[in-house]
């Protein structure tokens, strides 16, 4: 995880008139030919001001085609790295460099490289939730949107290493009949959902459908009526007539669900050992409107990727985008 903080670099959150901060951000964005990309797990006000909101695949696709000079990635550090690798000539900013990822942190590049060496003749498939250095020892990158389809694009007898998310890997193995070798990593948010509390919610809302992200533990996935990426969960809710939905993924997605499905009720699945009613990623929530404003004003903090690492990491990312385009994803 990147440990540098905003304050360590001499910048602090400026006092910005909250009534005018949106106007100020939009003004800076226009002056600097900048675009704001936001993940579904960001705070609702950041999603609302963004030029594009999406999951990891959609953000990578959008970054690859934009003609903006500055990309402000309101997400976590690996998303900024992916954008910088795809757009080396652009300034890429993440409003708070402390916005890391527990899943990416669970797969250090040096240890993963040794793991790959211990399994020769295997194709290496890495989840996008990894550092640039880990992607550099990967054959193809995937997201939760396209992971199953990309795995199935390889012959059934292909030897595959899948990392770093063991839950997503186990899910793909279960639905494809594959036997991929899995790295033992996980997302701290998706690991925390409580089966017991979901069952209690089902008693309160007996007609509710359970929507779960494949990063959840298998016991949660087995309770789900539908399993998919954040974008897939949103699309499922939009297309179905059910009134109530229990959503087992980071609760930021509920903002967009409620915007697009105003007549439906979305209930966040609770985490274990907590009095909270929802499950939030503390890293995602480090980005704020004030930091977004400052990042545009100062054009900082910039994401940098070592050119030698980027040269290797670009190939598996492009391969993912190419396969996704062919599959219509």
C-alpha atoms as a PDB file:
ATOM      1  CA  UNK A   1       0.000   0.000   0.000  1.00  0.00           C
ATOM      2  CA  UNK A   2       1.177   3.536  -0.717  1.00  0.00           C
ATOM      3  CA  UNK A   3       1.875   5.127   2.652  1.00  0.00           C
ATOM      4  CA  UNK A   4       2.412   8.733   1.569  1.00  0.00           C
ATOM      5  CA  UNK A   5      -0.345  10.964   2.845  1.00  0.00           C
ATOM      6  CA  UNK A   6      -1.835  14.209   1.609  1.00  0.00           C
ATOM      7  CA  UNK A   7      -0.598  16.160   4.623  1.00  0.00           C
ATOM      8  CA  UNK A   8       2.931  14.747   4.387  1.00  0.00           C
ATOM      9  CA  UNK A   9       3.231  16.479   1.017  1.00  0.00           C
ATOM     10  CA  UNK A  10       2.268  19.854   2.453  1.00  0.00           C
ATOM     11  CA  UNK A  11      -1.348  19.916   1.357  1.00  0.00           C
ATOM     12  CA  UNK A  12      -4.322  19.775   3.688  1.00  0.00           C
ATOM     13  CA  UNK A  13      -8.024  19.850   2.956  1.00  0.00           C
ATOM     14  CA  UNK A  14      -8.776  23.493   2.217  1.00  0.00           C
ATOM     15  CA  UNK A  15     -11.892  25.086   3.622  1.00  0.00           C
ATOM     16  CA  UNK A  16     -14.178  25.044   0.611  1.00  0.00           C
ATOM     17  CA  UNK A  17     -17.686  26.458   0.611  1.00  0.00           C
ATOM     18  CA  UNK A  18     -19.781  23.307   0.452  1.00  0.00           C
ATOM     19  CA  UNK A  19     -22.488  25.130  -1.478  1.00  0.00           C
ATOM     20  CA  UNK A  20     -20.027  25.975  -4.232  1.00  0.00           C
ATOM     21  CA  UNK A  21     -17.612  23.047  -4.206  1.00  0.00           C
ATOM     22  CA  UNK A  22     -19.345  21.302  -7.093  1.00  0.00           C
ATOM     23  CA  UNK A  23     -19.204  24.490  -9.144  1.00  0.00           C
ATOM     24  CA  UNK A  24     -15.516  24.937  -8.257  1.00  0.00           C
ATOM     25  CA  UNK A  25     -14.675  21.340  -9.243  1.00  0.00           C
ATOM     26  CA  UNK A  26     -16.523  21.623 -12.546  1.00  0.00           C
ATOM     27  CA  UNK A  27     -14.757  24.914 -13.287  1.00  0.00           C
ATOM     28  CA  UNK A  28     -11.304  23.402 -12.655  1.00  0.00           C
ATOM     29  CA  UNK A  29     -12.208  20.342 -14.682  1.00  0.00           C
ATOM     30  CA  UNK A  30     -13.134  22.485 -17.687  1.00  0.00           C
ATOM     31  CA  UNK A  31     -10.046  24.710 -17.381  1.00  0.00           C
ATOM     32  CA  UNK A  32      -7.664  21.765 -17.201  1.00  0.00           C
ATOM     33  CA  UNK A  33      -9.368  19.410 -19.693  1.00  0.00           C
ATOM     34  CA  UNK A  34      -9.788  16.878 -16.920  1.00  0.00           C
ATOM     35  CA  UNK A  35     -12.270  14.062 -16.399  1.00  0.00           C
ATOM     36  CA  UNK A  36     -13.351  12.452 -13.164  1.00  0.00           C
ATOM     37  CA  UNK A  37     -13.749   8.674 -13.061  1.00  0.00           C
ATOM     38  CA  UNK A  38     -15.439   7.155 -10.017  1.00  0.00           C
ATOM     39  CA  UNK A  39     -15.933   3.607  -8.861  1.00  0.00           C
ATOM     40  CA  UNK A  40     -19.337   2.466  -7.618  1.00  0.00           C
ATOM     41  CA  UNK A  41     -17.854   2.155  -4.120  1.00  0.00           C
ATOM     42  CA  UNK A  42     -17.200   5.879  -3.757  1.00  0.00           C
ATOM     43  CA  UNK A  43     -19.351   8.229  -1.696  1.00  0.00           C
ATOM     44  CA  UNK A  44     -22.554   9.226  -3.463  1.00  0.00           C
ATOM     45  CA  UNK A  45     -21.581  12.895  -3.902  1.00  0.00           C
ATOM     46  CA  UNK A  46     -18.380  11.870  -5.704  1.00  0.00           C
ATOM     47  CA  UNK A  47     -20.318   9.509  -7.954  1.00  0.00           C
ATOM     48  CA  UNK A  48     -22.736  12.323  -8.767  1.00  0.00           C
ATOM     49  CA  UNK A  49     -20.043  14.750  -9.910  1.00  0.00           C
ATOM     50  CA  UNK A  50     -18.035  12.184 -11.871  1.00  0.00           C
ATOM     51  CA  UNK A  51     -18.005  12.138 -15.675  1.00  0.00           C
ATOM     52  CA  UNK A  52     -18.148   8.362 -15.607  1.00  0.00           C
ATOM     53  CA  UNK A  53     -19.101   5.887 -12.884  1.00  0.00           C
ATOM     54  CA  UNK A  54     -18.445   2.189 -13.253  1.00  0.00           C
ATOM     55  CA  UNK A  55     -16.745  -0.972 -12.094  1.00  0.00           C
ATOM     56  CA  UNK A  56     -13.086  -1.816 -12.689  1.00  0.00           C
ATOM     57  CA  UNK A  57     -13.557  -3.065 -16.255  1.00  0.00           C
ATOM     58  CA  UNK A  58     -15.624  -0.071 -17.326  1.00  0.00           C
ATOM     59  CA  UNK A  59     -13.170   2.382 -15.731  1.00  0.00           C
ATOM     60  CA  UNK A  60     -10.244   0.769 -17.571  1.00  0.00           C
ATOM     61  CA  UNK A  61     -12.166   0.842 -20.856  1.00  0.00           C
ATOM     62  CA  UNK A  62     -13.088   4.483 -20.370  1.00  0.00           C
ATOM     63  CA  UNK A  63      -9.543   5.501 -19.421  1.00  0.00           C
ATOM     64  CA  UNK A  64      -8.180   3.813 -22.541  1.00  0.00           C
ATOM     65  CA  UNK A  65     -10.307   5.914 -24.875  1.00  0.00           C
ATOM     66  CA  UNK A  66     -10.554   9.367 -23.276  1.00  0.00           C
ATOM     67  CA  UNK A  67      -8.815  12.378 -24.851  1.00  0.00           C
ATOM     68  CA  UNK A  68      -8.607  14.319 -21.578  1.00  0.00           C
ATOM     69  CA  UNK A  69      -5.241  15.624 -20.374  1.00  0.00           C
ATOM     70  CA  UNK A  70      -5.895  14.757 -16.724  1.00  0.00           C
ATOM     71  CA  UNK A  71      -7.664  11.706 -15.300  1.00  0.00           C
ATOM     72  CA  UNK A  72      -8.817  11.946 -11.694  1.00  0.00           C
ATOM     73  CA  UNK A  73      -9.437   8.385 -10.556  1.00  0.00           C
ATOM     74  CA  UNK A  74     -11.770   8.396  -7.579  1.00  0.00           C
ATOM     75  CA  UNK A  75     -11.117   4.866  -6.496  1.00  0.00           C
ATOM     76  CA  UNK A  76      -8.067   3.121  -5.087  1.00  0.00           C
ATOM     77  CA  UNK A  77      -4.401   3.090  -6.017  1.00  0.00           C
ATOM     78  CA  UNK A  78      -4.359   0.054  -8.331  1.00  0.00           C
ATOM     79  CA  UNK A  79      -7.102   1.682 -10.431  1.00  0.00           C
ATOM     80  CA  UNK A  80      -4.922   4.761 -10.838  1.00  0.00           C
ATOM     81  CA  UNK A  81      -1.992   2.549 -11.845  1.00  0.00           C
ATOM     82  CA  UNK A  82      -4.095   0.752 -14.448  1.00  0.00           C
ATOM     83  CA  UNK A  83      -5.185   4.080 -15.922  1.00  0.00           C
ATOM     84  CA  UNK A  84      -1.587   5.364 -15.968  1.00  0.00           C
ATOM     85  CA  UNK A  85      -0.339   2.213 -17.704  1.00  0.00           C
ATOM     86  CA  UNK A  86      -3.027   2.612 -20.366  1.00  0.00           C
ATOM     87  CA  UNK A  87      -2.453   6.378 -20.659  1.00  0.00           C
ATOM     88  CA  UNK A  88       1.253   7.038 -20.022  1.00  0.00           C
ATOM     89  CA  UNK A  89       1.088  10.495 -21.632  1.00  0.00           C
ATOM     90  CA  UNK A  90      -1.687  11.729 -19.320  1.00  0.00           C
ATOM     91  CA  UNK A  91      -1.606  12.959 -15.756  1.00  0.00           C
ATOM     92  CA  UNK A  92      -3.403  10.431 -13.556  1.00  0.00           C
ATOM     93  CA  UNK A  93      -4.427  11.490 -10.070  1.00  0.00           C
ATOM     94  CA  UNK A  94      -5.930   9.632  -7.110  1.00  0.00           C
ATOM     95  CA  UNK A  95      -7.158  12.219  -4.578  1.00  0.00           C
ATOM     96  CA  UNK A  96      -5.668  10.312  -1.627  1.00  0.00           C
ATOM     97  CA  UNK A  97      -2.680   8.007  -2.172  1.00  0.00           C
ATOM     98  CA  UNK A  98      -3.549   6.167   1.048  1.00  0.00           C
ATOM     99  CA  UNK A  99      -6.531   4.684  -0.809  1.00  0.00           C
ATOM    100  CA  UNK A 100      -5.055   1.221  -1.118  1.00  0.00           C
ATOM    101  CA  UNK A 101      -6.641  -2.216  -1.433  1.00  0.00           C
ATOM    102  CA  UNK A 102      -6.472  -5.101   1.031  1.00  0.00           C
ATOM    103  CA  UNK A 103      -6.779  -7.601  -1.818  1.00  0.00           C
ATOM    104  CA  UNK A 104      -3.903  -6.076  -3.779  1.00  0.00           C
ATOM    105  CA  UNK A 105      -1.849  -5.916  -0.568  1.00  0.00           C
ATOM    106  CA  UNK A 106      -2.441  -9.650  -0.030  1.00  0.00           C
ATOM    107  CA  UNK A 107      -0.452 -10.412  -3.194  1.00  0.00           C
ATOM    108  CA  UNK A 108       3.042  -8.840  -3.067  1.00  0.00           C
ATOM    109  CA  UNK A 109       4.693  -8.994  -6.476  1.00  0.00           C
ATOM    110  CA  UNK A 110       7.885 -10.726  -5.284  1.00  0.00           C
ATOM    111  CA  UNK A 111       6.000 -13.510  -3.500  1.00  0.00           C
ATOM    112  CA  UNK A 112       3.600 -13.942  -6.390  1.00  0.00           C
ATOM    113  CA  UNK A 113       6.521 -14.180  -8.844  1.00  0.00           C
ATOM    114  CA  UNK A 114       7.998 -17.019  -6.753  1.00  0.00           C
ATOM    115  CA  UNK A 115       4.582 -18.707  -6.695  1.00  0.00           C
ATOM    116  CA  UNK A 116       4.454 -18.506 -10.490  1.00  0.00           C
ATOM    117  CA  UNK A 117       7.960 -19.992 -10.733  1.00  0.00           C
ATOM    118  CA  UNK A 118       6.849 -22.906  -8.549  1.00  0.00           C
ATOM    119  CA  UNK A 119       4.120 -23.730 -11.083  1.00  0.00           C
ATOM    120  CA  UNK A 120       5.827 -23.852 -14.487  1.00  0.00           C
ATOM    121  CA  UNK A 121       3.770 -24.256 -17.654  1.00  0.00           C
ATOM    122  CA  UNK A 122       0.778 -22.490 -16.091  1.00  0.00           C
ATOM    123  CA  UNK A 123      -1.062 -19.557 -17.640  1.00  0.00           C
ATOM    124  CA  UNK A 124      -1.185 -16.744 -15.094  1.00  0.00           C
ATOM    125  CA  UNK A 125      -4.512 -14.948 -14.703  1.00  0.00           C
ATOM    126  CA  UNK A 126      -4.554 -12.059 -12.243  1.00  0.00           C
ATOM    127  CA  UNK A 127      -7.479 -10.087 -10.944  1.00  0.00           C
ATOM    128  CA  UNK A 128      -7.316  -6.366 -11.710  1.00  0.00           C
ATOM    129  CA  UNK A 129      -7.141  -5.752  -7.936  1.00  0.00           C
ATOM    130  CA  UNK A 130      -3.352  -6.088  -7.993  1.00  0.00           C
ATOM    131  CA  UNK A 131      -0.356  -3.799  -8.182  1.00  0.00           C
ATOM    132  CA  UNK A 132       1.298  -2.952 -11.491  1.00  0.00           C
ATOM    133  CA  UNK A 133       4.278  -5.092 -10.446  1.00  0.00           C
ATOM    134  CA  UNK A 134       2.025  -8.121  -9.935  1.00  0.00           C
ATOM    135  CA  UNK A 135       0.353  -7.523 -13.280  1.00  0.00           C
ATOM    136  CA  UNK A 136       3.848  -7.523 -14.816  1.00  0.00           C
ATOM    137  CA  UNK A 137       4.198 -11.268 -14.048  1.00  0.00           C
ATOM    138  CA  UNK A 138       0.729 -12.016 -15.427  1.00  0.00           C
ATOM    139  CA  UNK A 139      -0.455 -13.345 -18.800  1.00  0.00           C
ATOM    140  CA  UNK A 140      -3.918 -11.817 -18.725  1.00  0.00           C
ATOM    141  CA  UNK A 141      -5.789  -9.564 -16.293  1.00  0.00           C
ATOM    142  CA  UNK A 142      -9.471 -10.069 -15.450  1.00  0.00           C
ATOM    143  CA  UNK A 143     -12.196  -8.259 -13.546  1.00  0.00           C
ATOM    144  CA  UNK A 144     -15.226  -9.761 -11.833  1.00  0.00           C
ATOM    145  CA  UNK A 145     -17.231  -8.803 -14.936  1.00  0.00           C
ATOM    146  CA  UNK A 146     -15.178 -10.869 -17.376  1.00  0.00           C
ATOM    147  CA  UNK A 147     -13.271 -13.396 -15.225  1.00  0.00           C
ATOM    148  CA  UNK A 148     -15.463 -16.398 -16.027  1.00  0.00           C
ATOM    149  CA  UNK A 149     -15.586 -15.674 -19.748  1.00  0.00           C
ATOM    150  CA  UNK A 150     -11.834 -15.135 -20.008  1.00  0.00           C
ATOM    151  CA  UNK A 151     -11.102 -18.343 -18.086  1.00  0.00           C
ATOM    152  CA  UNK A 152     -13.490 -20.208 -20.388  1.00  0.00           C
ATOM    153  CA  UNK A 153     -11.705 -18.763 -23.431  1.00  0.00           C
ATOM    154  CA  UNK A 154      -8.779 -21.078 -22.615  1.00  0.00           C
ATOM    155  CA  UNK A 155      -8.859 -24.834 -23.396  1.00  0.00           C
ATOM    156  CA  UNK A 156     -10.430 -26.983 -20.681  1.00  0.00           C
ATOM    157  CA  UNK A 157      -7.113 -28.694 -19.963  1.00  0.00           C
ATOM    158  CA  UNK A 158      -5.175 -25.410 -19.656  1.00  0.00           C
ATOM    159  CA  UNK A 159      -3.121 -25.220 -16.462  1.00  0.00           C
ATOM    160  CA  UNK A 160      -4.017 -21.917 -14.815  1.00  0.00           C
ATOM    161  CA  UNK A 161      -2.849 -19.920 -11.829  1.00  0.00           C
ATOM    162  CA  UNK A 162      -5.513 -17.506 -10.574  1.00  0.00           C
ATOM    163  CA  UNK A 163      -4.755 -14.756  -8.103  1.00  0.00           C
ATOM    164  CA  UNK A 164      -5.125 -13.112  -5.796  1.00  0.00           C
ATOM    165  CA  UNK A 165      -8.757 -13.598  -4.727  1.00  0.00           C
ATOM    166  CA  UNK A 166      -9.402 -17.137  -3.513  1.00  0.00           C
ATOM    167  CA  UNK A 167     -13.155 -16.547  -3.237  1.00  0.00           C
ATOM    168  CA  UNK A 168     -13.507 -15.375  -6.831  1.00  0.00           C
ATOM    169  CA  UNK A 169     -11.204 -18.194  -7.962  1.00  0.00           C
ATOM    170  CA  UNK A 170     -13.225 -20.812  -6.072  1.00  0.00           C
ATOM    171  CA  UNK A 171     -16.430 -19.424  -7.556  1.00  0.00           C
ATOM    172  CA  UNK A 172     -15.060 -19.611 -11.104  1.00  0.00           C
ATOM    173  CA  UNK A 173     -13.798 -23.149 -10.488  1.00  0.00           C
ATOM    174  CA  UNK A 174     -17.273 -24.129  -9.260  1.00  0.00           C
ATOM    175  CA  UNK A 175     -19.158 -22.744 -12.266  1.00  0.00           C
ATOM    176  CA  UNK A 176     -16.674 -23.784 -14.955  1.00  0.00           C
ATOM    177  CA  UNK A 177     -15.470 -27.148 -13.648  1.00  0.00           C
ATOM    178  CA  UNK A 178     -11.878 -25.884 -13.781  1.00  0.00           C
ATOM    179  CA  UNK A 179      -9.207 -26.702 -11.219  1.00  0.00           C
ATOM    180  CA  UNK A 180      -7.178 -23.498 -11.215  1.00  0.00           C
ATOM    181  CA  UNK A 181      -4.332 -23.127  -8.728  1.00  0.00           C
ATOM    182  CA  UNK A 182      -5.391 -20.303  -6.417  1.00  0.00           C
ATOM    183  CA  UNK A 183      -3.384 -17.652  -4.605  1.00  0.00           C
ATOM    184  CA  UNK A 184      -4.619 -17.272  -1.025  1.00  0.00           C
ATOM    185  CA  UNK A 185      -5.823 -13.654  -0.961  1.00  0.00           C
ATOM    186  CA  UNK A 186      -9.122 -11.946  -0.170  1.00  0.00           C
ATOM    187  CA  UNK A 187     -10.902  -8.598   0.080  1.00  0.00           C
ATOM    188  CA  UNK A 188     -11.460  -7.579   3.702  1.00  0.00           C
ATOM    189  CA  UNK A 189     -14.867  -6.086   2.868  1.00  0.00           C
ATOM    190  CA  UNK A 190     -16.301  -9.098   1.067  1.00  0.00           C
ATOM    191  CA  UNK A 191     -14.882 -11.499   3.675  1.00  0.00           C
ATOM    192  CA  UNK A 192     -16.917  -9.847   6.430  1.00  0.00           C
ATOM    193  CA  UNK A 193     -20.505 -10.451   5.367  1.00  0.00           C
ATOM    194  CA  UNK A 194     -22.530 -12.350   7.950  1.00  0.00           C
ATOM    195  CA  UNK A 195     -24.551 -15.351   6.806  1.00  0.00           C
ATOM    196  CA  UNK A 196     -26.600 -15.231  10.005  1.00  0.00           C
ATOM    197  CA  UNK A 197     -27.494 -11.561   9.547  1.00  0.00           C
ATOM    198  CA  UNK A 198     -28.437 -12.122   5.893  1.00  0.00           C
ATOM    199  CA  UNK A 199     -30.734 -14.949   6.999  1.00  0.00           C
ATOM    200  CA  UNK A 200     -32.289 -12.597   9.577  1.00  0.00           C
ATOM    201  CA  UNK A 201     -32.872 -10.003   6.859  1.00  0.00           C
ATOM    202  CA  UNK A 202     -34.543 -12.678   4.729  1.00  0.00           C
ATOM    203  CA  UNK A 203     -36.979 -13.269   7.606  1.00  0.00           C
ATOM    204  CA  UNK A 204     -37.800  -9.549   7.644  1.00  0.00           C
ATOM    205  CA  UNK A 205     -38.062  -9.389   3.855  1.00  0.00           C
ATOM    206  CA  UNK A 206     -39.114 -12.911   2.769  1.00  0.00           C
ATOM    207  CA  UNK A 207     -39.588 -11.831  -0.839  1.00  0.00           C
ATOM    208  CA  UNK A 208     -36.147 -10.179  -1.081  1.00  0.00           C
ATOM    209  CA  UNK A 209     -33.611 -11.423  -3.597  1.00  0.00           C
ATOM    210  CA  UNK A 210     -30.014 -11.721  -2.431  1.00  0.00           C
ATOM    211  CA  UNK A 211     -27.423 -10.214  -4.785  1.00  0.00           C
ATOM    212  CA  UNK A 212     -23.806 -11.127  -4.052  1.00  0.00           C
ATOM    213  CA  UNK A 213     -20.390 -10.255  -5.440  1.00  0.00           C
ATOM    214  CA  UNK A 214     -18.200 -13.295  -6.273  1.00  0.00           C
ATOM    215  CA  UNK A 215     -15.502 -11.975  -3.905  1.00  0.00           C
ATOM    216  CA  UNK A 216     -17.791 -13.033  -1.042  1.00  0.00           C
ATOM    217  CA  UNK A 217     -17.148 -16.261   0.827  1.00  0.00           C
ATOM    218  CA  UNK A 218     -18.768 -19.364  -0.679  1.00  0.00           C
ATOM    219  CA  UNK A 219     -21.286 -19.634   2.176  1.00  0.00           C
ATOM    220  CA  UNK A 220     -22.616 -16.184   1.234  1.00  0.00           C
ATOM    221  CA  UNK A 221     -22.546 -16.920  -2.494  1.00  0.00           C
ATOM    222  CA  UNK A 222     -24.642 -20.057  -1.903  1.00  0.00           C
ATOM    223  CA  UNK A 223     -27.380 -17.891  -0.347  1.00  0.00           C
ATOM    224  CA  UNK A 224     -27.507 -15.594  -3.365  1.00  0.00           C
ATOM    225  CA  UNK A 225     -30.201 -15.518  -6.006  1.00  0.00           C
ATOM    226  CA  UNK A 226     -27.716 -13.822  -8.339  1.00  0.00           C
ATOM    227  CA  UNK A 227     -23.910 -13.548  -8.292  1.00  0.00           C
ATOM    228  CA  UNK A 228     -22.054 -10.948 -10.327  1.00  0.00           C
ATOM    229  CA  UNK A 229     -19.833  -7.890 -10.510  1.00  0.00           C
ATOM    230  CA  UNK A 230     -21.036  -4.544  -9.191  1.00  0.00           C
ATOM    231  CA  UNK A 231     -22.206  -3.570 -12.677  1.00  0.00           C
ATOM    232  CA  UNK A 232     -23.936  -6.933 -13.110  1.00  0.00           C
ATOM    233  CA  UNK A 233     -25.732  -6.584  -9.760  1.00  0.00           C
ATOM    234  CA  UNK A 234     -26.962  -3.138 -10.789  1.00  0.00           C
ATOM    235  CA  UNK A 235     -28.157  -4.370 -14.181  1.00  0.00           C
ATOM    236  CA  UNK A 236     -29.920  -7.348 -12.598  1.00  0.00           C
ATOM    237  CA  UNK A 237     -31.861  -5.067 -10.255  1.00  0.00           C
ATOM    238  CA  UNK A 238     -32.803  -2.763 -13.148  1.00  0.00           C
ATOM    239  CA  UNK A 239     -34.158  -5.620 -15.253  1.00  0.00           C
ATOM    240  CA  UNK A 240     -36.166  -7.466 -12.602  1.00  0.00           C
ATOM    241  CA  UNK A 241     -39.514  -6.555 -11.085  1.00  0.00           C
ATOM    242  CA  UNK A 242     -38.770  -7.635  -7.544  1.00  0.00           C
ATOM    243  CA  UNK A 243     -39.327  -4.946  -4.908  1.00  0.00           C
ATOM    244  CA  UNK A 244     -36.686  -5.841  -2.283  1.00  0.00           C
ATOM    245  CA  UNK A 245     -33.013  -6.730  -2.685  1.00  0.00           C
ATOM    246  CA  UNK A 246     -30.375  -7.644  -0.094  1.00  0.00           C
ATOM    247  CA  UNK A 247     -27.024  -6.568  -1.527  1.00  0.00           C
ATOM    248  CA  UNK A 248     -23.805  -8.305  -0.449  1.00  0.00           C
ATOM    249  CA  UNK A 249     -21.076  -6.049  -1.759  1.00  0.00           C
ATOM    250  CA  UNK A 250     -19.577  -2.699  -0.733  1.00  0.00           C
ATOM    251  CA  UNK A 251     -22.511  -0.455   0.103  1.00  0.00           C
ATOM    252  CA  UNK A 252     -21.475   2.374  -2.253  1.00  0.00           C
ATOM    253  CA  UNK A 253     -23.264   0.585  -5.108  1.00  0.00           C
ATOM    254  CA  UNK A 254     -26.592   1.206  -3.356  1.00  0.00           C
ATOM    255  CA  UNK A 255     -26.352   4.893  -4.312  1.00  0.00           C
ATOM    256  CA  UNK A 256     -26.554   4.115  -8.021  1.00  0.00           C
ATOM    257  CA  UNK A 257     -29.099   1.339  -7.478  1.00  0.00           C
ATOM    258  CA  UNK A 258     -31.417   3.744  -5.676  1.00  0.00           C
ATOM    259  CA  UNK A 259     -30.928   6.423  -8.338  1.00  0.00           C
ATOM    260  CA  UNK A 260     -31.768   4.088 -11.205  1.00  0.00           C
ATOM    261  CA  UNK A 261     -34.456   2.052  -9.432  1.00  0.00           C
ATOM    262  CA  UNK A 262     -36.372   4.611  -7.393  1.00  0.00           C
ATOM    263  CA  UNK A 263     -39.326   2.303  -6.745  1.00  0.00           C
ATOM    264  CA  UNK A 264     -37.223  -0.515  -5.284  1.00  0.00           C
ATOM    265  CA  UNK A 265     -35.768  -1.171  -1.827  1.00  0.00           C
ATOM    266  CA  UNK A 266     -32.076  -2.020  -1.498  1.00  0.00           C
ATOM    267  CA  UNK A 267     -30.863  -3.370   1.840  1.00  0.00           C
ATOM    268  CA  UNK A 268     -27.120  -3.595   2.539  1.00  0.00           C
ATOM    269  CA  UNK A 269     -25.977  -6.984   3.807  1.00  0.00           C
ATOM    270  CA  UNK A 270     -24.389  -6.442   7.238  1.00  0.00           C
ATOM    271  CA  UNK A 271     -20.860  -7.463   8.227  1.00  0.00           C
ATOM    272  CA  UNK A 272     -20.042  -9.825  11.082  1.00  0.00           C
ATOM    273  CA  UNK A 273     -19.162  -8.601  14.576  1.00  0.00           C
ATOM    274  CA  UNK A 274     -20.466  -5.097  13.963  1.00  0.00           C
ATOM    275  CA  UNK A 275     -23.400  -2.938  14.890  1.00  0.00           C
ATOM    276  CA  UNK A 276     -23.203  -1.262  11.471  1.00  0.00           C
ATOM    277  CA  UNK A 277     -26.016  -1.962   9.040  1.00  0.00           C
ATOM    278  CA  UNK A 278     -23.744  -1.789   6.000  1.00  0.00           C
ATOM    279  CA  UNK A 279     -20.256  -2.807   4.916  1.00  0.00           C
ATOM    280  CA  UNK A 280     -17.956  -0.040   3.653  1.00  0.00           C
ATOM    281  CA  UNK A 281     -14.407  -0.063   2.299  1.00  0.00           C
ATOM    282  CA  UNK A 282     -12.368   2.302   4.458  1.00  0.00           C
ATOM    283  CA  UNK A 283      -9.870   2.769   1.611  1.00  0.00           C
ATOM    284  CA  UNK A 284     -12.487   3.766  -0.949  1.00  0.00           C
ATOM    285  CA  UNK A 285     -13.963   6.286   1.484  1.00  0.00           C
ATOM    286  CA  UNK A 286     -10.654   8.131   1.943  1.00  0.00           C
ATOM    287  CA  UNK A 287     -11.435  10.166  -1.173  1.00  0.00           C
ATOM    288  CA  UNK A 288     -13.548  13.225  -0.339  1.00  0.00           C
ATOM    289  CA  UNK A 289     -14.966  16.178  -2.245  1.00  0.00           C
ATOM    290  CA  UNK A 290     -12.384  18.478  -0.645  1.00  0.00           C
ATOM    291  CA  UNK A 291      -9.527  16.200  -1.692  1.00  0.00           C
ATOM    292  CA  UNK A 292     -11.028  15.937  -5.172  1.00  0.00           C
ATOM    293  CA  UNK A 293     -11.070  19.727  -5.419  1.00  0.00           C
ATOM    294  CA  UNK A 294      -7.474  20.011  -4.170  1.00  0.00           C
ATOM    295  CA  UNK A 295      -6.231  17.285  -6.492  1.00  0.00           C
ATOM    296  CA  UNK A 296      -7.572  19.194  -9.476  1.00  0.00           C
ATOM    297  CA  UNK A 297      -6.268  22.530  -8.207  1.00  0.00           C
ATOM    298  CA  UNK A 298      -2.723  21.290  -7.517  1.00  0.00           C
ATOM    299  CA  UNK A 299      -2.719  18.455 -10.097  1.00  0.00           C
ATOM    300  CA  UNK A 300      -1.469  16.201  -7.355  1.00  0.00           C
ATOM    301  CA  UNK A 301      -0.965  13.504  -6.060  1.00  0.00           C
ATOM    302  CA  UNK A 302       0.154  11.974  -9.341  1.00  0.00           C
ATOM    303  CA  UNK A 303       0.273   8.251  -9.984  1.00  0.00           C
ATOM    304  CA  UNK A 304       3.614   7.115 -11.366  1.00  0.00           C
ATOM    305  CA  UNK A 305       4.499   3.648 -12.626  1.00  0.00           C
ATOM    306  CA  UNK A 306       8.061   2.543 -13.298  1.00  0.00           C
ATOM    307  CA  UNK A 307       8.409   2.401 -17.114  1.00  0.00           C
ATOM    308  CA  UNK A 308      10.018  -1.048 -17.017  1.00  0.00           C
ATOM    309  CA  UNK A 309       7.086  -2.360 -14.964  1.00  0.00           C
ATOM    310  CA  UNK A 310       4.514  -0.590 -17.130  1.00  0.00           C
ATOM    311  CA  UNK A 311       6.058  -2.084 -20.273  1.00  0.00           C
ATOM    312  CA  UNK A 312       5.357  -5.589 -18.931  1.00  0.00           C
ATOM    313  CA  UNK A 313       2.032  -4.808 -17.254  1.00  0.00           C
ATOM    314  CA  UNK A 314       0.445  -3.222 -20.331  1.00  0.00           C
ATOM    315  CA  UNK A 315       0.293  -6.515 -22.241  1.00  0.00           C
ATOM    316  CA  UNK A 316      -2.011  -8.474 -19.873  1.00  0.00           C
ATOM    317  CA  UNK A 317      -4.251  -5.420 -19.473  1.00  0.00           C
ATOM    318  CA  UNK A 318      -4.574  -4.942 -23.230  1.00  0.00           C
ATOM    319  CA  UNK A 319      -5.163  -8.655 -23.634  1.00  0.00           C
ATOM    320  CA  UNK A 320      -8.086  -8.381 -21.193  1.00  0.00           C
ATOM    321  CA  UNK A 321      -9.544  -5.422 -23.082  1.00  0.00           C
ATOM    322  CA  UNK A 322      -9.130  -7.199 -26.421  1.00  0.00           C
ATOM    323  CA  UNK A 323     -10.805 -10.411 -25.193  1.00  0.00           C
ATOM    324  CA  UNK A 324     -13.593  -8.418 -23.542  1.00  0.00           C
ATOM    325  CA  UNK A 325     -14.233  -6.531 -26.784  1.00  0.00           C
ATOM    326  CA  UNK A 326     -14.403  -9.800 -28.751  1.00  0.00           C
ATOM    327  CA  UNK A 327     -16.818 -11.235 -26.185  1.00  0.00           C
ATOM    328  CA  UNK A 328     -18.939  -8.094 -26.248  1.00  0.00           C
ATOM    329  CA  UNK A 329     -18.319  -7.278 -22.586  1.00  0.00           C
END
